[in-house]
């Protein structure tokens, strides 16, 4: 296996890493969907807090 060129070795190694992905059951899909929604909501809250923080800082700079 080590006699191959490095690029070929990496390609060959990746072939072993591939796993089959089974489809989710309806219940599993529902749970995954809810988990994804939570992650998106958390990111949206984080972004909104950062936006409000920047806006407050801009207002404070305008008062100076």
Foldseek 3Di string as FASTA:
>chain_A
DVVDDPVVVVVVVVVVVDDDDDDDDPVRVVVVVVVVVVVVVVVVVVVVVVVVVVVVVVVVVVVD
